[in-house]
Amino acid sequence: MYNPQMYYNKIDNQIRELEAMKGQIPQPITQNFQLSGNNIIYVDSIDEVEKTFIVNDTPFFSKDLSILWLKKSNGSIKTYELNEIVQKDEKDLKIEYLQAQIDELKKGNKYESNTNTNGSTAKPIKEQKS
């Protein structure tokens, strides 16, 4: 007589046997060594950069991110000053342009200050033509 439960039990037993056999196979041992990483190194001074042993060229940052020291694998150190680049939108660029125009106009107009009874007045100095 056909008994489906008997077939399910037989299949389950075979799966358990195969899993037990799989567990007996030796697994390869793998070890990963990270010789250089993408870690950011923060230091207080160049003295710490000089003392630190490195294998590859390595950047060191001051804790306030204002200075970058790049230590080469040969031991030489280059120092860079970091400045933030502020992205300017269209309005900022327009304001900057207009401010530059105002400054140019102020340079172009030389004023002489005169004092009279009504207070001080300013009038432009006429430039002489050669």
N, C-alpha and C. Protein backbone atom coordinates (compact mmCIF):
# COMPACT_ATOMS: atom_id res chain seq x y z
N MET A 1 0.84 -1.16 0.00
CA MET A 1 0.00 0.00 0.00
C MET A 1 0.89 1.24 0.00
N TYR A 2 0.46 2.30 -0.64
CA TYR A 2 1.21 3.54 -0.78
C TYR A 2 1.02 4.39 0.47
N ASN A 3 2.16 4.71 1.16
CA ASN A 3 2.11 5.51 2.38
C ASN A 3 3.05 6.71 2.19
N PRO A 4 2.50 7.95 1.90
CA PRO A 4 3.36 9.11 1.66
C PRO A 4 4.20 9.49 2.88
N GLN A 5 3.67 9.28 4.06
CA GLN A 5 4.41 9.66 5.28
C GLN A 5 5.71 8.85 5.39
N MET A 6 5.66 7.62 4.94
CA MET A 6 6.84 6.76 5.00
C MET A 6 7.93 7.32 4.06
N TYR A 7 7.55 7.81 2.89
CA TYR A 7 8.51 8.39 1.96
C TYR A 7 9.12 9.69 2.52
N TYR A 8 8.29 10.54 3.17
CA TYR A 8 8.79 11.78 3.79
C TYR A 8 9.82 11.46 4.87
N ASN A 9 9.52 10.47 5.68
CA ASN A 9 10.45 10.08 6.77
C ASN A 9 11.77 9.56 6.19
N LYS A 10 11.67 8.76 5.11
CA LYS A 10 12.87 8.21 4.48
C LYS A 10 13.74 9.34 3.91
N ILE A 11 13.11 10.32 3.25
CA ILE A 11 13.85 11.45 2.67
C ILE A 11 14.49 12.30 3.79
N ASP A 12 13.76 12.55 4.87
CA ASP A 12 14.30 13.31 6.00
C ASP A 12 15.51 12.61 6.60
N ASN A 13 15.47 11.30 6.72
CA ASN A 13 16.60 10.53 7.27
C ASN A 13 17.82 10.64 6.35
N GLN A 14 17.59 10.57 5.03
CA GLN A 14 18.69 10.70 4.09
C GLN A 14 19.32 12.10 4.16
N ILE A 15 18.49 13.12 4.32
CA ILE A 15 19.00 14.50 4.44
C ILE A 15 19.88 14.62 5.68
N ARG A 16 19.45 14.05 6.81
CA ARG A 16 20.24 14.10 8.05
C ARG A 16 21.57 13.38 7.88
N GLU A 17 21.54 12.23 7.18
CA GLU A 17 22.78 11.48 6.96
C GLU A 17 23.75 12.27 6.08
N LEU A 18 23.22 12.92 5.04
CA LEU A 18 24.07 13.71 4.15
C LEU A 18 24.66 14.93 4.88
N GLU A 19 23.86 15.57 5.73
CA GLU A 19 24.37 16.71 6.50
C GLU A 19 25.46 16.26 7.47
N ALA A 20 25.29 15.07 8.08
CA ALA A 20 26.32 14.55 8.98
C ALA A 20 27.60 14.27 8.21
N MET A 21 27.49 13.73 7.01
CA MET A 21 28.66 13.47 6.18
C MET A 21 29.34 14.77 5.78
N LYS A 22 28.54 15.78 5.48
CA LYS A 22 29.08 17.08 5.08
C LYS A 22 29.87 17.70 6.23
N GLY A 23 29.41 17.52 7.45
CA GLY A 23 30.09 18.07 8.62
C GLY A 23 31.42 17.41 8.89
N GLN A 24 31.63 16.20 8.35
CA GLN A 24 32.89 15.48 8.58
C GLN A 24 33.99 15.89 7.61
N ILE A 25 33.63 16.61 6.55
CA ILE A 25 34.62 17.05 5.58
C ILE A 25 35.42 18.18 6.20
N PRO A 26 36.77 18.10 6.18
CA PRO A 26 37.58 19.18 6.78
C PRO A 26 37.43 20.47 5.97
N GLN A 27 37.24 21.55 6.69
CA GLN A 27 37.09 22.86 6.06
C GLN A 27 38.47 23.51 5.93
N PRO A 28 38.71 24.21 4.80
CA PRO A 28 40.01 24.89 4.65
C PRO A 28 40.10 26.06 5.64
N ILE A 29 41.30 26.27 6.14
CA ILE A 29 41.53 27.36 7.08
C ILE A 29 41.95 28.59 6.29
N THR A 30 41.24 29.67 6.51
CA THR A 30 41.59 30.92 5.83
C THR A 30 41.87 31.99 6.86
N GLN A 31 42.92 32.74 6.61
CA GLN A 31 43.26 33.86 7.46
C GLN A 31 43.51 35.06 6.58
N ASN A 32 42.96 36.17 6.97
CA ASN A 32 43.16 37.41 6.23
C ASN A 32 44.00 38.35 7.06
N PHE A 33 45.03 38.89 6.44
CA PHE A 33 45.87 39.86 7.10
C PHE A 33 45.70 41.19 6.38
N GLN A 34 45.37 42.19 7.15
CA GLN A 34 45.22 43.52 6.56
C GLN A 34 46.49 44.31 6.85
N LEU A 35 47.32 44.46 5.81
CA LEU A 35 48.57 45.17 5.98
C LEU A 35 48.41 46.67 5.87
N SER A 36 47.47 47.09 5.08
CA SER A 36 47.19 48.51 4.99
C SER A 36 45.68 48.67 4.88
N GLY A 37 45.18 49.65 5.55
CA GLY A 37 43.75 49.84 5.55
C GLY A 37 43.37 51.25 5.18
N ASN A 38 42.12 51.50 5.19
CA ASN A 38 41.60 52.82 4.87
C ASN A 38 41.28 53.58 6.16
N ASN A 39 41.97 53.22 7.22
CA ASN A 39 41.71 53.88 8.49
C ASN A 39 42.30 55.29 8.49
N ILE A 40 41.58 56.20 9.10
CA ILE A 40 42.08 57.56 9.25
C ILE A 40 42.83 57.62 10.57
N ILE A 41 44.04 58.14 10.53
CA ILE A 41 44.85 58.23 11.74
C ILE A 41 44.88 59.68 12.19
N TYR A 42 44.41 59.93 13.40
CA TYR A 42 44.40 61.27 13.99
C TYR A 42 45.55 61.38 14.98
N VAL A 43 46.30 62.47 14.89
CA VAL A 43 47.43 62.69 15.78
C VAL A 43 47.41 64.12 16.31
N ASP A 44 48.17 64.35 17.37
CA ASP A 44 48.26 65.68 17.96
C ASP A 44 49.38 66.52 17.35
N SER A 45 50.45 65.86 16.91
CA SER A 45 51.59 66.62 16.39
C SER A 45 52.38 65.77 15.41
N ILE A 46 53.33 66.43 14.77
CA ILE A 46 54.18 65.74 13.81
C ILE A 46 55.10 64.73 14.52
N ASP A 47 55.33 64.93 15.82
CA ASP A 47 56.15 63.99 16.58
C ASP A 47 55.54 62.59 16.55
N GLU A 48 54.21 62.52 16.66
CA GLU A 48 53.53 61.22 16.62
C GLU A 48 53.64 60.60 15.23
N VAL A 49 53.61 61.43 14.20
CA VAL A 49 53.76 60.94 12.83
C VAL A 49 55.15 60.33 12.66
N GLU A 50 56.17 61.03 13.16
CA GLU A 50 57.55 60.55 13.05
C GLU A 50 57.75 59.23 13.77
N LYS A 51 57.09 59.04 14.91
CA LYS A 51 57.27 57.83 15.71
C LYS A 51 56.53 56.62 15.14
N THR A 52 55.49 56.84 14.35
CA THR A 52 54.64 55.74 13.88
C THR A 52 55.30 54.99 12.74
N PHE A 53 55.36 53.66 12.89
CA PHE A 53 55.91 52.80 11.84
C PHE A 53 54.82 52.55 10.80
N ILE A 54 55.19 52.70 9.52
CA ILE A 54 54.25 52.44 8.43
C ILE A 54 54.91 51.58 7.37
N VAL A 55 54.10 50.90 6.56
CA VAL A 55 54.61 50.09 5.46
C VAL A 55 54.35 50.79 4.13
N ASN A 56 53.18 51.39 4.01
CA ASN A 56 52.80 52.11 2.78
C ASN A 56 52.67 53.59 3.09
N ASP A 57 52.59 54.41 2.04
CA ASP A 57 52.34 55.83 2.22
C ASP A 57 51.04 55.99 3.02
N THR A 58 51.09 56.82 4.07
CA THR A 58 49.97 56.91 5.00
C THR A 58 49.66 58.36 5.33
N PRO A 59 48.37 58.75 5.25
CA PRO A 59 47.98 60.11 5.66
C PRO A 59 47.68 60.15 7.16
N PHE A 60 48.09 61.22 7.80
CA PHE A 60 47.79 61.48 9.21
C PHE A 60 47.09 62.83 9.27
N PHE A 61 46.04 62.93 10.07
CA PHE A 61 45.28 64.17 10.19
C PHE A 61 45.37 64.70 11.61
N SER A 62 45.47 66.04 11.72
CA SER A 62 45.37 66.64 13.05
C SER A 62 43.92 66.45 13.51
N LYS A 63 43.74 66.46 14.82
CA LYS A 63 42.40 66.17 15.35
C LYS A 63 41.35 67.19 14.95
N ASP A 64 41.79 68.43 14.64
CA ASP A 64 40.82 69.43 14.19
C ASP A 64 40.72 69.48 12.66
N LEU A 65 41.39 68.53 11.99
CA LEU A 65 41.37 68.39 10.53
C LEU A 65 41.89 69.62 9.79
N SER A 66 42.80 70.36 10.39
CA SER A 66 43.36 71.53 9.73
C SER A 66 44.70 71.23 9.06
N ILE A 67 45.34 70.12 9.46
CA ILE A 67 46.66 69.77 8.92
C ILE A 67 46.65 68.31 8.48
N LEU A 68 47.29 68.06 7.35
CA LEU A 68 47.48 66.70 6.84
C LEU A 68 48.97 66.45 6.71
N TRP A 69 49.44 65.38 7.31
CA TRP A 69 50.83 64.95 7.14
C TRP A 69 50.79 63.69 6.30
N LEU A 70 51.55 63.65 5.23
CA LEU A 70 51.64 62.46 4.39
C LEU A 70 53.01 61.86 4.59
N LYS A 71 53.03 60.70 5.26
CA LYS A 71 54.30 60.03 5.53
C LYS A 71 54.51 58.96 4.47
N LYS A 72 55.62 59.08 3.76
CA LYS A 72 55.96 58.13 2.69
C LYS A 72 56.62 56.90 3.30
N SER A 73 56.62 55.82 2.55
CA SER A 73 57.22 54.57 3.04
C SER A 73 58.72 54.70 3.28
N ASN A 74 59.36 55.70 2.64
CA ASN A 74 60.80 55.91 2.85
C ASN A 74 61.08 56.77 4.09
N GLY A 75 60.03 57.23 4.78
CA GLY A 75 60.19 57.99 6.01
C GLY A 75 60.02 59.49 5.86
N SER A 76 60.00 59.99 4.63
CA SER A 76 59.84 61.44 4.44
C SER A 76 58.39 61.84 4.74
N ILE A 77 58.24 63.07 5.23
CA ILE A 77 56.92 63.58 5.62
C ILE A 77 56.66 64.90 4.92
N LYS A 78 55.50 65.02 4.31
CA LYS A 78 55.06 66.28 3.72
C LYS A 78 53.88 66.79 4.53
N THR A 79 53.84 68.10 4.74
CA THR A 79 52.79 68.72 5.54
C THR A 79 51.92 69.59 4.65
N TYR A 80 50.60 69.44 4.81
CA TYR A 80 49.64 70.22 4.04
C TYR A 80 48.66 70.90 4.99
N GLU A 81 48.26 72.11 4.66
CA GLU A 81 47.24 72.81 5.42
C GLU A 81 45.91 72.60 4.70
N LEU A 82 44.90 72.23 5.45
CA LEU A 82 43.59 71.95 4.84
C LEU A 82 42.65 73.12 5.09
N ASN A 83 41.96 73.54 4.05
CA ASN A 83 40.95 74.58 4.14
C ASN A 83 39.66 74.06 3.56
N GLU A 84 38.56 74.39 4.20
CA GLU A 84 37.26 73.94 3.73
C GLU A 84 36.87 74.72 2.47
N ILE A 85 36.37 74.02 1.49
CA ILE A 85 35.86 74.64 0.28
C ILE A 85 34.35 74.71 0.41
N VAL A 86 33.84 75.93 0.49
CA VAL A 86 32.42 76.14 0.66
C VAL A 86 31.78 76.25 -0.72
N GLN A 87 30.82 75.39 -0.97
CA GLN A 87 30.13 75.42 -2.25
C GLN A 87 29.21 76.63 -2.30
N LYS A 88 29.31 77.40 -3.36
CA LYS A 88 28.51 78.61 -3.49
C LYS A 88 27.38 78.36 -4.47
N ASP A 89 26.19 78.79 -4.08
CA ASP A 89 25.08 78.66 -5.01
C ASP A 89 24.99 79.92 -5.87
N GLU A 90 23.98 79.98 -6.71
CA GLU A 90 23.85 81.08 -7.65
C GLU A 90 23.72 82.43 -6.96
N LYS A 91 22.99 82.48 -5.85
CA LYS A 91 22.81 83.74 -5.11
C LYS A 91 24.13 84.23 -4.53
N ASP A 92 24.90 83.29 -3.95
CA ASP A 92 26.19 83.68 -3.38
C ASP A 92 27.12 84.24 -4.44
N LEU A 93 27.14 83.61 -5.60
CA LEU A 93 27.99 84.09 -6.69
C LEU A 93 27.55 85.47 -7.16
N LYS A 94 26.27 85.72 -7.23
CA LYS A 94 25.75 87.02 -7.65
C LYS A 94 26.14 88.10 -6.63
N ILE A 95 25.99 87.79 -5.33
CA ILE A 95 26.36 88.74 -4.28
C ILE A 95 27.84 89.05 -4.36
N GLU A 96 28.66 88.03 -4.54
CA GLU A 96 30.11 88.22 -4.64
C GLU A 96 30.46 89.11 -5.84
N TYR A 97 29.79 88.88 -6.96
CA TYR A 97 30.02 89.67 -8.17
C TYR A 97 29.63 91.13 -7.95
N LEU A 98 28.47 91.35 -7.34
CA LEU A 98 28.01 92.71 -7.09
C LEU A 98 28.91 93.43 -6.09
N GLN A 99 29.38 92.71 -5.07
CA GLN A 99 30.28 93.30 -4.08
C GLN A 99 31.58 93.73 -4.74
N ALA A 100 32.08 92.92 -5.68
CA ALA A 100 33.31 93.27 -6.40
C ALA A 100 33.09 94.52 -7.25
N GLN A 101 31.91 94.63 -7.85
CA GLN A 101 31.60 95.83 -8.64
C GLN A 101 31.55 97.07 -7.76
N ILE A 102 30.94 96.95 -6.59
CA ILE A 102 30.87 98.07 -5.64
C ILE A 102 32.27 98.49 -5.23
N ASP A 103 33.12 97.53 -4.94
CA ASP A 103 34.50 97.84 -4.54
C ASP A 103 35.24 98.55 -5.67
N GLU A 104 35.04 98.12 -6.90
CA GLU A 104 35.68 98.78 -8.04
C GLU A 104 35.18 100.21 -8.19
N LEU A 105 33.88 100.42 -8.00
CA LEU A 105 33.33 101.77 -8.09
C LEU A 105 33.90 102.67 -7.00
N LYS A 106 34.06 102.11 -5.80
CA LYS A 106 34.64 102.89 -4.70
C LYS A 106 36.08 103.28 -5.01
N LYS A 107 36.83 102.39 -5.63
CA LYS A 107 38.22 102.70 -5.99
C LYS A 107 38.26 103.76 -7.08
N GLY A 108 37.31 103.72 -7.99
CA GLY A 108 37.28 104.66 -9.11
C GLY A 108 36.89 106.06 -8.69
N ASN A 109 36.07 106.21 -7.69
CA ASN A 109 35.63 107.53 -7.21
C ASN A 109 36.48 107.93 -6.02
N LYS A 110 37.28 108.97 -6.21
CA LYS A 110 38.07 109.50 -5.10
C LYS A 110 37.34 110.71 -4.56
N TYR A 111 37.06 110.67 -3.31
CA TYR A 111 36.29 111.76 -2.70
C TYR A 111 37.18 112.63 -1.83
N GLU A 112 36.85 113.91 -1.87
CA GLU A 112 37.54 114.86 -1.01
C GLU A 112 36.50 115.37 -0.03
N SER A 113 36.83 115.35 1.19
CA SER A 113 35.86 115.76 2.20
C SER A 113 36.06 117.23 2.55
N ASN A 114 35.01 118.05 2.43
CA ASN A 114 35.04 119.47 2.79
C ASN A 114 34.05 119.70 3.92
N THR A 115 34.39 120.59 4.80
CA THR A 115 33.48 120.90 5.88
C THR A 115 32.98 122.33 5.69
N ASN A 116 31.67 122.54 5.79
CA ASN A 116 31.10 123.88 5.74
C ASN A 116 30.13 124.04 6.90
N THR A 117 29.38 125.10 6.91
CA THR A 117 28.49 125.38 8.03
C THR A 117 27.36 124.38 8.14
N ASN A 118 26.96 123.78 7.06
CA ASN A 118 25.86 122.81 7.09
C ASN A 118 26.33 121.41 7.44
N GLY A 119 27.59 121.21 7.64
CA GLY A 119 28.13 119.88 7.92
C GLY A 119 29.14 119.51 6.87
N SER A 120 29.53 118.29 6.85
CA SER A 120 30.54 117.87 5.88
C SER A 120 29.87 117.40 4.61
N THR A 121 30.52 117.70 3.51
CA THR A 121 30.07 117.22 2.21
C THR A 121 31.25 116.59 1.52
N ALA A 122 30.96 115.75 0.60
CA ALA A 122 32.03 115.11 -0.15
C ALA A 122 31.80 115.39 -1.61
N LYS A 123 32.85 115.73 -2.30
CA LYS A 123 32.75 115.93 -3.74
C LYS A 123 33.93 115.24 -4.42
N PRO A 124 33.72 114.75 -5.62
CA PRO A 124 34.80 114.01 -6.28
C PRO A 124 35.93 114.92 -6.68
N ILE A 125 37.14 114.38 -6.62
CA ILE A 125 38.33 115.10 -7.08
C ILE A 125 38.42 114.86 -8.57
N LYS A 126 38.58 115.93 -9.30
CA LYS A 126 38.70 115.81 -10.76
C LYS A 126 40.10 115.38 -11.09
N GLU A 127 40.18 114.36 -11.93
CA GLU A 127 41.49 113.89 -12.35
C GLU A 127 41.97 114.75 -13.51
N GLN A 128 43.25 115.05 -13.51
CA GLN A 128 43.81 115.87 -14.56
C GLN A 128 44.22 114.99 -15.72
N LYS A 129 43.93 115.46 -16.92
CA LYS A 129 44.31 114.70 -18.11
C LYS A 129 45.68 115.17 -18.56
N SER A 130 46.48 114.23 -18.99
CA SER A 130 47.82 114.58 -19.45
C SER A 130 47.86 114.71 -20.94
